Amino acid sequence: MPPKKKKGKKKGKKGEGGEMSVKDKYSKTLQEMDCLKHELETRTELARRNDARASDLKQQVTDWEKVVAEEQEEKLDISADMIRQYKTMQSTMALRIHLLESNLSHLQVQLDTTQKKLATTEKEKSDLQKKYDDTVERMEREMIDMEQRYENILVEAMDAVAGKLEQAQSKWNKACELVQLDNITKIREFGLPNLEL
């Protein structure tokens, strides 16, 4: 800014009509030039300082932009890595789920097959048990019937033997009596006394 002009009249020699002399004007011009030079130097120094400050601020902004860019890049890398890990985990989980579902389906088929085999085996066992029970019951009836028949046959045979023994005994008794009579007759013929036989 140009220096303010002082109000009032300056003491010194004046020319005609109150005008300043050439010397005064020259001195005043030199003073004004010194003031302007000093102000220019001051403004130049302020501009230099402002430029230095602006340069520092610009460097700081550049550094901060670099830091922010690095952080953003790091975040992007972390985000990309997390997305990659998530996708890998998702793929792994999907594969494990598929394998588990396949295994479950296979086990379900095995279970159904085993249950069918078990039902068939139980039916076969039930049929065999019924057949066994029926066979045992039939054999028991046959044994009872056979025992009854054998008993009847044995009774009939014993009755037949007893009848034959009675007949044989009757014949034997008759034969004995005939032999005794014949012996008595022969004894009498020899003149022997009667003897009780």
C-alpha atoms as a PDB file:
ATOM      1  CA  MET A   1       0.000   0.000   0.000  1.00  0.00           C
ATOM      2  CA  PRO A   2       1.309   3.532  -0.745  1.00  0.00           C
ATOM      3  CA  PRO A   3       2.185   5.517   2.321  1.00  0.00           C
ATOM      4  CA  LYS A   4      -0.457   7.844   3.577  1.00  0.00           C
ATOM      5  CA  LYS A   5       0.169  11.461   2.914  1.00  0.00           C
ATOM      6  CA  LYS A   6       0.494  13.603   5.962  1.00  0.00           C
ATOM      7  CA  LYS A   7      -2.069  16.293   6.393  1.00  0.00           C
ATOM      8  CA  GLY A   8      -1.110  19.870   7.031  1.00  0.00           C
ATOM      9  CA  LYS A   9       1.464  22.084   5.584  1.00  0.00           C
ATOM     10  CA  LYS A  10       5.083  21.022   5.618  1.00  0.00           C
ATOM     11  CA  LYS A  11       7.541  23.511   6.908  1.00  0.00           C
ATOM     12  CA  GLY A  12      10.102  24.650   4.375  1.00  0.00           C
ATOM     13  CA  LYS A  13      10.682  27.011   1.678  1.00  0.00           C
ATOM     14  CA  LYS A  14       7.839  27.494  -0.716  1.00  0.00           C
ATOM     15  CA  GLY A  15       7.791  29.025  -4.068  1.00  0.00           C
ATOM     16  CA  GLU A  16       5.340  31.425  -5.317  1.00  0.00           C
ATOM     17  CA  GLY A  17       1.713  30.659  -4.758  1.00  0.00           C
ATOM     18  CA  GLY A  18       2.530  28.177  -1.959  1.00  0.00           C
ATOM     19  CA  GLU A  19       3.919  25.484  -4.316  1.00  0.00           C
ATOM     20  CA  MET A  20       6.769  23.135  -3.223  1.00  0.00           C
ATOM     21  CA  SER A  21      10.170  23.684  -4.535  1.00  0.00           C
ATOM     22  CA  VAL A  22      11.851  21.222  -6.864  1.00  0.00           C
ATOM     23  CA  LYS A  23      14.154  20.092  -4.100  1.00  0.00           C
ATOM     24  CA  ASP A  24      11.270  19.419  -1.763  1.00  0.00           C
ATOM     25  CA  LYS A  25       9.474  17.530  -4.491  1.00  0.00           C
ATOM     26  CA  TYR A  26      12.609  15.516  -5.171  1.00  0.00           C
ATOM     27  CA  SER A  27      13.056  14.708  -1.485  1.00  0.00           C
ATOM     28  CA  LYS A  28       9.459  13.781  -1.186  1.00  0.00           C
ATOM     29  CA  THR A  29       9.705  11.598  -4.284  1.00  0.00           C
ATOM     30  CA  LEU A  30      12.783   9.863  -2.848  1.00  0.00           C
ATOM     31  CA  GLN A  31      10.948   9.239   0.436  1.00  0.00           C
ATOM     32  CA  GLU A  32       7.968   7.877  -1.424  1.00  0.00           C
ATOM     33  CA  MET A  33      10.272   5.647  -3.478  1.00  0.00           C
ATOM     34  CA  ASP A  34      11.978   4.412  -0.277  1.00  0.00           C
ATOM     35  CA  CYS A  35       8.569   3.696   1.222  1.00  0.00           C
ATOM     36  CA  LEU A  36       7.449   1.905  -1.908  1.00  0.00           C
ATOM     37  CA  LYS A  37      10.725  -0.014  -2.075  1.00  0.00           C
ATOM     38  CA  HIS A  38      10.398  -1.034   1.566  1.00  0.00           C
ATOM     39  CA  GLU A  39       6.771  -2.031   1.044  1.00  0.00           C
ATOM     40  CA  LEU A  40       7.793  -3.977  -2.095  1.00  0.00           C
ATOM     41  CA  GLU A  41      10.481  -5.791  -0.146  1.00  0.00           C
ATOM     42  CA  THR A  42       8.003  -6.510   2.612  1.00  0.00           C
ATOM     43  CA  ARG A  43       5.422  -7.747   0.151  1.00  0.00           C
ATOM     44  CA  THR A  44       8.090  -9.773  -1.703  1.00  0.00           C
ATOM     45  CA  GLU A  45       9.146 -11.410   1.578  1.00  0.00           C
ATOM     46  CA  LEU A  46       5.506 -12.115   2.449  1.00  0.00           C
ATOM     47  CA  ALA A  47       4.960 -13.533  -1.035  1.00  0.00           C
ATOM     48  CA  ARG A  48       8.093 -15.672  -0.671  1.00  0.00           C
ATOM     49  CA  ARG A  49       6.939 -16.884   2.724  1.00  0.00           C
ATOM     50  CA  ASN A  50       3.454 -17.496   1.360  1.00  0.00           C
ATOM     51  CA  ASP A  51       4.958 -19.366  -1.577  1.00  0.00           C
ATOM     52  CA  ALA A  52       7.106 -21.426   0.801  1.00  0.00           C
ATOM     53  CA  ARG A  53       4.096 -22.044   3.027  1.00  0.00           C
ATOM     54  CA  ALA A  54       1.996 -22.880  -0.020  1.00  0.00           C
ATOM     55  CA  SER A  55       4.731 -25.227  -1.240  1.00  0.00           C
ATOM     56  CA  ASP A  56       4.869 -26.858   2.201  1.00  0.00           C
ATOM     57  CA  LEU A  57       1.107 -27.147   2.298  1.00  0.00           C
ATOM     58  CA  LYS A  58       1.115 -28.512  -1.246  1.00  0.00           C
ATOM     59  CA  GLN A  59       3.767 -31.060  -0.250  1.00  0.00           C
ATOM     60  CA  GLN A  60       1.725 -31.972   2.838  1.00  0.00           C
ATOM     61  CA  VAL A  61      -1.387 -32.314   0.681  1.00  0.00           C
ATOM     62  CA  THR A  62       0.598 -34.460  -1.756  1.00  0.00           C
ATOM     63  CA  ASP A  63       1.915 -36.578   1.138  1.00  0.00           C
ATOM     64  CA  TRP A  64      -1.554 -36.906   2.607  1.00  0.00           C
ATOM     65  CA  GLU A  65      -2.977 -37.767  -0.802  1.00  0.00           C
ATOM     66  CA  LYS A  66      -0.257 -40.394  -1.139  1.00  0.00           C
ATOM     67  CA  VAL A  67      -1.052 -41.767   2.332  1.00  0.00           C
ATOM     68  CA  VAL A  68      -4.779 -41.754   1.551  1.00  0.00           C
ATOM     69  CA  ALA A  69      -4.115 -43.425  -1.807  1.00  0.00           C
ATOM     70  CA  GLU A  70      -1.916 -46.034  -0.115  1.00  0.00           C
ATOM     71  CA  GLU A  71      -4.555 -46.618   2.557  1.00  0.00           C
ATOM     72  CA  GLN A  72      -7.262 -46.860  -0.083  1.00  0.00           C
ATOM     73  CA  GLU A  73      -5.088 -49.261  -2.071  1.00  0.00           C
ATOM     74  CA  GLU A  74      -4.417 -51.270   1.097  1.00  0.00           C
ATOM     75  CA  LYS A  75      -8.141 -51.286   1.883  1.00  0.00           C
ATOM     76  CA  LEU A  76      -8.871 -52.364  -1.675  1.00  0.00           C
ATOM     77  CA  ASP A  77      -6.253 -55.111  -1.363  1.00  0.00           C
ATOM     78  CA  ILE A  78      -7.730 -56.194   1.985  1.00  0.00           C
ATOM     79  CA  SER A  79     -11.235 -56.014   0.546  1.00  0.00           C
ATOM     80  CA  ALA A  80     -10.172 -57.983  -2.532  1.00  0.00           C
ATOM     81  CA  ASP A  81      -8.412 -60.539  -0.309  1.00  0.00           C
ATOM     82  CA  MET A  82     -11.470 -60.817   1.928  1.00  0.00           C
ATOM     83  CA  ILE A  83     -13.721 -61.205  -1.112  1.00  0.00           C
ATOM     84  CA  ARG A  84     -11.372 -63.853  -2.494  1.00  0.00           C
ATOM     85  CA  GLN A  85     -11.305 -65.668   0.858  1.00  0.00           C
ATOM     86  CA  TYR A  86     -15.091 -65.391   1.112  1.00  0.00           C
ATOM     87  CA  LYS A  87     -15.532 -66.797  -2.390  1.00  0.00           C
ATOM     88  CA  THR A  88     -13.048 -69.581  -1.610  1.00  0.00           C
ATOM     89  CA  MET A  89     -14.845 -70.352   1.646  1.00  0.00           C
ATOM     90  CA  GLN A  90     -18.189 -70.191  -0.142  1.00  0.00           C
ATOM     91  CA  SER A  91     -16.929 -72.580  -2.826  1.00  0.00           C
ATOM     92  CA  THR A  92     -15.493 -74.897  -0.157  1.00  0.00           C
ATOM     93  CA  MET A  93     -18.726 -74.813   1.830  1.00  0.00           C
ATOM     94  CA  ALA A  94     -20.775 -75.419  -1.327  1.00  0.00           C
ATOM     95  CA  LEU A  95     -18.539 -78.394  -2.165  1.00  0.00           C
ATOM     96  CA  ARG A  96     -18.815 -79.759   1.393  1.00  0.00           C
ATOM     97  CA  ILE A  97     -22.591 -79.288   1.334  1.00  0.00           C
ATOM     98  CA  HIS A  98     -22.763 -81.091  -2.024  1.00  0.00           C
ATOM     99  CA  LEU A  99     -20.616 -83.946  -0.694  1.00  0.00           C
ATOM    100  CA  LEU A 100     -22.697 -84.167   2.489  1.00  0.00           C
ATOM    101  CA  GLU A 101     -25.918 -84.167   0.485  1.00  0.00           C
ATOM    102  CA  SER A 102     -24.517 -86.877  -1.804  1.00  0.00           C
ATOM    103  CA  ASN A 103     -23.380 -88.887   1.220  1.00  0.00           C
ATOM    104  CA  LEU A 104     -26.772 -88.380   2.861  1.00  0.00           C
ATOM    105  CA  SER A 105     -28.540 -89.529  -0.301  1.00  0.00           C
ATOM    106  CA  HIS A 106     -26.278 -92.588  -0.493  1.00  0.00           C
ATOM    107  CA  LEU A 107     -26.865 -93.378   3.183  1.00  0.00           C
ATOM    108  CA  GLN A 108     -30.623 -92.925   2.695  1.00  0.00           C
ATOM    109  CA  VAL A 109     -30.539 -95.429  -0.175  1.00  0.00           C
ATOM    110  CA  GLN A 110     -28.530 -97.845   1.989  1.00  0.00           C
ATOM    111  CA  LEU A 111     -30.984 -97.329   4.847  1.00  0.00           C
ATOM    112  CA  ASP A 112     -33.963 -98.002   2.596  1.00  0.00           C
ATOM    113  CA  THR A 113     -32.264-101.113   1.200  1.00  0.00           C
ATOM    114  CA  THR A 114     -31.363-102.312   4.706  1.00  0.00           C
ATOM    115  CA  GLN A 115     -34.902-101.710   5.937  1.00  0.00           C
ATOM    116  CA  LYS A 116     -36.306-103.668   2.998  1.00  0.00           C
ATOM    117  CA  LYS A 117     -33.832-106.508   3.655  1.00  0.00           C
ATOM    118  CA  LEU A 118     -34.732-106.410   7.356  1.00  0.00           C
ATOM    119  CA  ALA A 119     -38.452-106.544   6.546  1.00  0.00           C
ATOM    120  CA  THR A 120     -37.820-109.451   4.145  1.00  0.00           C
ATOM    121  CA  THR A 121     -35.663-111.233   6.727  1.00  0.00           C
ATOM    122  CA  GLU A 122     -38.253-110.731   9.454  1.00  0.00           C
ATOM    123  CA  LYS A 123     -40.977-112.083   7.150  1.00  0.00           C
ATOM    124  CA  GLU A 124     -38.790-115.065   6.240  1.00  0.00           C
ATOM    125  CA  LYS A 125     -38.089-115.624   9.931  1.00  0.00           C
ATOM    126  CA  SER A 126     -41.786-115.382  10.746  1.00  0.00           C
ATOM    127  CA  ASP A 127     -42.607-117.789   7.926  1.00  0.00           C
ATOM    128  CA  LEU A 128     -39.890-120.201   9.073  1.00  0.00           C
ATOM    129  CA  GLN A 129     -41.088-119.954  12.682  1.00  0.00           C
ATOM    130  CA  LYS A 130     -44.670-120.668  11.581  1.00  0.00           C
ATOM    131  CA  LYS A 131     -43.494-123.537   9.422  1.00  0.00           C
ATOM    132  CA  TYR A 132     -41.420-124.877  12.322  1.00  0.00           C
ATOM    133  CA  ASP A 133     -44.329-124.521  14.737  1.00  0.00           C
ATOM    134  CA  ASP A 134     -46.681-126.193  12.255  1.00  0.00           C
ATOM    135  CA  THR A 135     -44.161-128.998  11.654  1.00  0.00           C
ATOM    136  CA  VAL A 136     -43.628-129.538  15.397  1.00  0.00           C
ATOM    137  CA  GLU A 137     -47.368-129.541  15.985  1.00  0.00           C
ATOM    138  CA  ARG A 138     -47.907-131.980  13.109  1.00  0.00           C
ATOM    139  CA  MET A 139     -45.091-134.243  14.328  1.00  0.00           C
ATOM    140  CA  GLU A 140     -46.478-134.162  17.861  1.00  0.00           C
ATOM    141  CA  ARG A 141     -49.892-135.171  16.534  1.00  0.00           C
ATOM    142  CA  GLU A 142     -48.294-137.886  14.424  1.00  0.00           C
ATOM    143  CA  MET A 143     -46.279-139.133  17.411  1.00  0.00           C
ATOM    144  CA  ILE A 144     -49.379-139.185  19.594  1.00  0.00           C
ATOM    145  CA  ASP A 145     -51.259-141.005  16.829  1.00  0.00           C
ATOM    146  CA  MET A 146     -48.330-143.347  16.300  1.00  0.00           C
ATOM    147  CA  GLU A 147     -48.085-144.058  20.027  1.00  0.00           C
ATOM    148  CA  GLN A 148     -51.795-144.770  20.073  1.00  0.00           C
ATOM    149  CA  ARG A 149     -51.451-147.118  17.099  1.00  0.00           C
ATOM    150  CA  TYR A 150     -48.408-148.841  18.622  1.00  0.00           C
ATOM    151  CA  GLU A 151     -50.251-149.174  21.887  1.00  0.00           C
ATOM    152  CA  ASN A 152     -53.237-150.674  20.091  1.00  0.00           C
ATOM    153  CA  ILE A 153     -50.951-152.990  18.110  1.00  0.00           C
ATOM    154  CA  LEU A 154     -49.115-153.987  21.309  1.00  0.00           C
ATOM    155  CA  VAL A 155     -52.369-154.590  23.146  1.00  0.00           C
ATOM    156  CA  GLU A 156     -53.678-156.615  20.230  1.00  0.00           C
ATOM    157  CA  ALA A 157     -50.388-158.551  20.040  1.00  0.00           C
ATOM    158  CA  MET A 158     -50.383-159.182  23.788  1.00  0.00           C
ATOM    159  CA  ASP A 159     -54.013-160.289  23.619  1.00  0.00           C
ATOM    160  CA  ALA A 160     -53.160-162.586  20.734  1.00  0.00           C
ATOM    161  CA  VAL A 161     -50.154-164.011  22.598  1.00  0.00           C
ATOM    162  CA  ALA A 162     -52.227-164.426  25.737  1.00  0.00           C
ATOM    163  CA  GLY A 163     -54.927-166.238  23.705  1.00  0.00           C
ATOM    164  CA  LYS A 164     -52.358-168.467  22.107  1.00  0.00           C
ATOM    165  CA  LEU A 165     -50.768-169.164  25.496  1.00  0.00           C
ATOM    166  CA  GLU A 166     -54.157-170.090  26.898  1.00  0.00           C
ATOM    167  CA  GLN A 167     -54.806-172.377  23.962  1.00  0.00           C
ATOM    168  CA  ALA A 168     -51.320-173.869  24.266  1.00  0.00           C
ATOM    169  CA  GLN A 169     -51.759-174.315  28.018  1.00  0.00           C
ATOM    170  CA  SER A 170     -55.110-176.007  27.477  1.00  0.00           C
ATOM    171  CA  LYS A 171     -53.544-178.303  24.927  1.00  0.00           C
ATOM    172  CA  TRP A 172     -50.583-178.896  27.221  1.00  0.00           C
ATOM    173  CA  ASN A 173     -52.831-179.672  30.145  1.00  0.00           C
ATOM    174  CA  LYS A 174     -54.777-182.139  28.014  1.00  0.00           C
ATOM    175  CA  ALA A 175     -51.562-183.689  26.718  1.00  0.00           C
ATOM    176  CA  CYS A 176     -50.252-183.955  30.292  1.00  0.00           C
ATOM    177  CA  GLU A 177     -53.407-185.607  31.407  1.00  0.00           C
ATOM    178  CA  LEU A 178     -53.182-188.096  28.543  1.00  0.00           C
ATOM    179  CA  VAL A 179     -49.531-188.839  29.360  1.00  0.00           C
ATOM    180  CA  GLN A 180     -50.410-189.297  33.031  1.00  0.00           C
ATOM    181  CA  LEU A 181     -53.240-191.645  32.182  1.00  0.00           C
ATOM    182  CA  ASP A 182     -51.010-193.551  29.847  1.00  0.00           C
ATOM    183  CA  ASN A 183     -48.322-193.815  32.502  1.00  0.00           C
ATOM    184  CA  ILE A 184     -50.844-194.974  35.110  1.00  0.00           C
ATOM    185  CA  THR A 185     -52.088-197.619  32.730  1.00  0.00           C
ATOM    186  CA  LYS A 186     -48.568-198.863  32.046  1.00  0.00           C
ATOM    187  CA  ILE A 187     -47.768-198.911  35.769  1.00  0.00           C
ATOM    188  CA  ARG A 188     -50.840-200.961  36.421  1.00  0.00           C
ATOM    189  CA  GLU A 189     -49.892-203.359  33.702  1.00  0.00           C
ATOM    190  CA  PHE A 190     -46.592-204.000  35.498  1.00  0.00           C
ATOM    191  CA  GLY A 191     -48.511-204.621  38.746  1.00  0.00           C
ATOM    192  CA  LEU A 192     -47.126-201.687  40.579  1.00  0.00           C
ATOM    193  CA  PRO A 193     -49.226-199.970  43.215  1.00  0.00           C
ATOM    194  CA  ASN A 194     -51.108-196.818  42.319  1.00  0.00           C
ATOM    195  CA  LEU A 195     -49.047-193.755  42.782  1.00  0.00           C
ATOM    196  CA  GLU A 196     -50.225-190.237  42.717  1.00  0.00           C
ATOM    197  CA  LEU A 197     -48.498-188.423  39.991  1.00  0.00           C
END
